[in-house]
Amino acid sequence: MQVDLQGKKVIAIGERDGVQATAIAAVARSAGAEVLLELNQCFV
């Protein structure tokens, strides 16, 4: 499965102890997306 993010807008919500929003945003940017918000949450 391949997702085309070129020109899309992304909100990256990550987890403090899991995959963090900065990592998700970096992947989205490298795929051509515009990151609007990076937010880490603690789901405990």
PDB file of N, CA and C in Angstrom:
ATOM      1  N   MET A   1       0.844  -1.173   0.000  1.00  0.00           N
ATOM      2  CA  MET A   1       0.000   0.000   0.000  1.00  0.00           C
ATOM      3  C   MET A   1       0.888   1.233   0.000  1.00  0.00           C
ATOM      4  N   GLN A   2       0.588   2.178  -0.847  1.00  0.00           N
ATOM      5  CA  GLN A   2       1.365   3.397  -0.944  1.00  0.00           C
ATOM      6  C   GLN A   2       0.430   4.595  -0.793  1.00  0.00           C
ATOM      7  N   VAL A   3       0.832   5.545   0.039  1.00  0.00           N
ATOM      8  CA  VAL A   3       0.026   6.736   0.284  1.00  0.00           C
ATOM      9  C   VAL A   3       0.725   7.933  -0.343  1.00  0.00           C
ATOM     10  N   ASP A   4      -0.021   8.711  -1.106  1.00  0.00           N
ATOM     11  CA  ASP A   4       0.529   9.903  -1.746  1.00  0.00           C
ATOM     12  C   ASP A   4       0.216  11.121  -0.873  1.00  0.00           C
ATOM     13  N   LEU A   5       1.237  11.693  -0.250  1.00  0.00           N
ATOM     14  CA  LEU A   5       1.046  12.855   0.622  1.00  0.00           C
ATOM     15  C   LEU A   5       1.453  14.167  -0.040  1.00  0.00           C
ATOM     16  N   GLN A   6       1.851  14.116  -1.290  1.00  0.00           N
ATOM     17  CA  GLN A   6       2.294  15.322  -1.995  1.00  0.00           C
ATOM     18  C   GLN A   6       1.194  16.377  -1.995  1.00  0.00           C
ATOM     19  N   GLY A   7       1.482  17.538  -1.380  1.00  0.00           N
ATOM     20  CA  GLY A   7       0.537  18.642  -1.359  1.00  0.00           C
ATOM     21  C   GLY A   7      -0.549  18.534  -0.301  1.00  0.00           C
ATOM     22  N   LYS A   8      -0.523  17.498   0.519  1.00  0.00           N
ATOM     23  CA  LYS A   8      -1.533  17.323   1.565  1.00  0.00           C
ATOM     24  C   LYS A   8      -1.121  18.063   2.834  1.00  0.00           C
ATOM     25  N   LYS A   9      -2.092  18.345   3.685  1.00  0.00           N
ATOM     26  CA  LYS A   9      -1.838  18.963   4.986  1.00  0.00           C
ATOM     27  C   LYS A   9      -1.981  17.884   6.052  1.00  0.00           C
ATOM     28  N   VAL A  10      -1.065  17.886   7.030  1.00  0.00           N
ATOM     29  CA  VAL A  10      -1.003  16.811   8.021  1.00  0.00           C
ATOM     30  C   VAL A  10      -0.973  17.388   9.431  1.00  0.00           C
ATOM     31  N   ILE A  11      -1.703  16.736  10.324  1.00  0.00           N
ATOM     32  CA  ILE A  11      -1.603  16.991  11.765  1.00  0.00           C
ATOM     33  C   ILE A  11      -0.974  15.739  12.360  1.00  0.00           C
ATOM     34  N   ALA A  12       0.210  15.870  12.955  1.00  0.00           N
ATOM     35  CA  ALA A  12       0.943  14.730  13.499  1.00  0.00           C
ATOM     36  C   ALA A  12       0.691  14.641  15.003  1.00  0.00           C
ATOM     37  N   ILE A  13       0.003  13.582  15.418  1.00  0.00           N
ATOM     38  CA  ILE A  13      -0.266  13.344  16.832  1.00  0.00           C
ATOM     39  C   ILE A  13       0.517  12.114  17.245  1.00  0.00           C
ATOM     40  N   GLY A  14       1.462  12.316  18.159  1.00  0.00           N
ATOM     41  CA  GLY A  14       2.301  11.225  18.604  1.00  0.00           C
ATOM     42  C   GLY A  14       2.107  10.932  20.075  1.00  0.00           C
ATOM     43  N   GLU A  15       2.803   9.900  20.530  1.00  0.00           N
ATOM     44  CA  GLU A  15       2.723   9.500  21.926  1.00  0.00           C
ATOM     45  C   GLU A  15       4.086   9.705  22.571  1.00  0.00           C
ATOM     46  N   ARG A  16       4.083  10.167  23.793  1.00  0.00           N
ATOM     47  CA  ARG A  16       5.321  10.468  24.494  1.00  0.00           C
ATOM     48  C   ARG A  16       6.223   9.242  24.611  1.00  0.00           C
ATOM     49  N   ASP A  17       5.658   8.079  24.924  1.00  0.00           N
ATOM     50  CA  ASP A  17       6.457   6.861  25.110  1.00  0.00           C
ATOM     51  C   ASP A  17       6.473   5.968  23.871  1.00  0.00           C
ATOM     52  N   GLY A  18       5.815   6.387  22.806  1.00  0.00           N
ATOM     53  CA  GLY A  18       5.769   5.601  21.569  1.00  0.00           C
ATOM     54  C   GLY A  18       6.410   6.377  20.436  1.00  0.00           C
ATOM     55  N   VAL A  19       5.746   6.413  19.319  1.00  0.00           N
ATOM     56  CA  VAL A  19       6.228   7.180  18.159  1.00  0.00           C
ATOM     57  C   VAL A  19       5.861   8.641  18.381  1.00  0.00           C
ATOM     58  N   GLN A  20       6.863   9.484  18.430  1.00  0.00           N
ATOM     59  CA  GLN A  20       6.632  10.894  18.735  1.00  0.00           C
ATOM     60  C   GLN A  20       6.235  11.664  17.483  1.00  0.00           C
ATOM     61  N   ALA A  21       5.535  12.775  17.715  1.00  0.00           N
ATOM     62  CA  ALA A  21       5.015  13.593  16.627  1.00  0.00           C
ATOM     63  C   ALA A  21       6.128  14.132  15.732  1.00  0.00           C
ATOM     64  N   THR A  22       7.278  14.417  16.297  1.00  0.00           N
ATOM     65  CA  THR A  22       8.376  14.933  15.476  1.00  0.00           C
ATOM     66  C   THR A  22       8.808  13.914  14.426  1.00  0.00           C
ATOM     67  N   ALA A  23       8.797  12.629  14.784  1.00  0.00           N
ATOM     68  CA  ALA A  23       9.160  11.582  13.833  1.00  0.00           C
ATOM     69  C   ALA A  23       8.089  11.435  12.754  1.00  0.00           C
ATOM     70  N   ILE A  24       6.820  11.480  13.155  1.00  0.00           N
ATOM     71  CA  ILE A  24       5.722  11.374  12.199  1.00  0.00           C
ATOM     72  C   ILE A  24       5.765  12.555  11.234  1.00  0.00           C
ATOM     73  N   ALA A  25       6.011  13.752  11.769  1.00  0.00           N
ATOM     74  CA  ALA A  25       6.064  14.953  10.940  1.00  0.00           C
ATOM     75  C   ALA A  25       7.237  14.893   9.962  1.00  0.00           C
ATOM     76  N   ALA A  26       8.369  14.367  10.402  1.00  0.00           N
ATOM     77  CA  ALA A  26       9.533  14.266   9.520  1.00  0.00           C
ATOM     78  C   ALA A  26       9.248  13.338   8.340  1.00  0.00           C
ATOM     79  N   VAL A  27       8.576  12.239   8.606  1.00  0.00           N
ATOM     80  CA  VAL A  27       8.220  11.306   7.528  1.00  0.00           C
ATOM     81  C   VAL A  27       7.223  11.954   6.577  1.00  0.00           C
ATOM     82  N   ALA A  28       6.239  12.646   7.128  1.00  0.00           N
ATOM     83  CA  ALA A  28       5.231  13.310   6.297  1.00  0.00           C
ATOM     84  C   ALA A  28       5.872  14.383   5.420  1.00  0.00           C
ATOM     85  N   ARG A  29       6.782  15.164   5.997  1.00  0.00           N
ATOM     86  CA  ARG A  29       7.475  16.207   5.212  1.00  0.00           C
ATOM     87  C   ARG A  29       8.303  15.588   4.091  1.00  0.00           C
ATOM     88  N   SER A  30       8.975  14.485   4.393  1.00  0.00           N
ATOM     89  CA  SER A  30       9.809  13.842   3.367  1.00  0.00           C
ATOM     90  C   SER A  30       8.958  13.266   2.234  1.00  0.00           C
ATOM     91  N   ALA A  31       7.669  13.015   2.525  1.00  0.00           N
ATOM     92  CA  ALA A  31       6.751  12.516   1.492  1.00  0.00           C
ATOM     93  C   ALA A  31       6.040  13.652   0.766  1.00  0.00           C
ATOM     94  N   GLY A  32       6.376  14.913   1.128  1.00  0.00           N
ATOM     95  CA  GLY A  32       5.836  16.052   0.403  1.00  0.00           C
ATOM     96  C   GLY A  32       4.657  16.738   1.066  1.00  0.00           C
ATOM     97  N   ALA A  33       4.308  16.361   2.292  1.00  0.00           N
ATOM     98  CA  ALA A  33       3.168  16.967   2.980  1.00  0.00           C
ATOM     99  C   ALA A  33       3.589  18.244   3.705  1.00  0.00           C
ATOM    100  N   GLU A  34       2.604  19.075   3.994  1.00  0.00           N
ATOM    101  CA  GLU A  34       2.807  20.267   4.810  1.00  0.00           C
ATOM    102  C   GLU A  34       2.283  19.945   6.205  1.00  0.00           C
ATOM    103  N   VAL A  35       3.149  20.020   7.215  1.00  0.00           N
ATOM    104  CA  VAL A  35       2.747  19.705   8.581  1.00  0.00           C
ATOM    105  C   VAL A  35       2.212  20.968   9.242  1.00  0.00           C
ATOM    106  N   LEU A  36       0.953  20.915   9.658  1.00  0.00           N
ATOM    107  CA  LEU A  36       0.309  22.068  10.279  1.00  0.00           C
ATOM    108  C   LEU A  36       0.493  22.090  11.792  1.00  0.00           C
ATOM    109  N   LEU A  37       0.555  20.902  12.412  1.00  0.00           N
ATOM    110  CA  LEU A  37       0.625  20.810  13.869  1.00  0.00           C
ATOM    111  C   LEU A  37       1.331  19.532  14.271  1.00  0.00           C
ATOM    112  N   GLU A  38       2.232  19.652  15.237  1.00  0.00           N
ATOM    113  CA  GLU A  38       2.885  18.476  15.841  1.00  0.00           C
ATOM    114  C   GLU A  38       2.512  18.474  17.313  1.00  0.00           C
ATOM    115  N   LEU A  39       1.940  17.374  17.787  1.00  0.00           N
ATOM    116  CA  LEU A  39       1.449  17.323  19.141  1.00  0.00           C
ATOM    117  C   LEU A  39       1.732  15.958  19.747  1.00  0.00           C
ATOM    118  N   ASN A  40       2.395  15.936  20.914  1.00  0.00           N
ATOM    119  CA  ASN A  40       2.637  14.691  21.644  1.00  0.00           C
ATOM    120  C   ASN A  40       1.668  14.604  22.806  1.00  0.00           C
ATOM    121  N   GLN A  41       1.111  13.421  22.999  1.00  0.00           N
ATOM    122  CA  GLN A  41       0.188  13.169  24.102  1.00  0.00           C
ATOM    123  C   GLN A  41       0.742  12.028  24.947  1.00  0.00           C
ATOM    124  N   CYS A  42       0.262  11.944  26.177  1.00  0.00           N
ATOM    125  CA  CYS A  42       0.608  10.844  27.067  1.00  0.00           C
ATOM    126  C   CYS A  42      -0.653  10.025  27.289  1.00  0.00           C
ATOM    127  N   PHE A  43      -0.717   8.830  26.686  1.00  0.00           N
ATOM    128  CA  PHE A  43      -1.905   7.987  26.786  1.00  0.00           C
ATOM    129  C   PHE A  43      -1.691   6.925  27.859  1.00  0.00           C
ATOM    130  N   VAL A  44      -1.826   7.339  29.119  1.00  0.00           N
ATOM    131  CA  VAL A  44      -1.648   6.400  30.235  1.00  0.00           C
ATOM    132  C   VAL A  44      -2.948   6.235  30.962  1.00  0.00           C
TER     133      VAL A  44
END
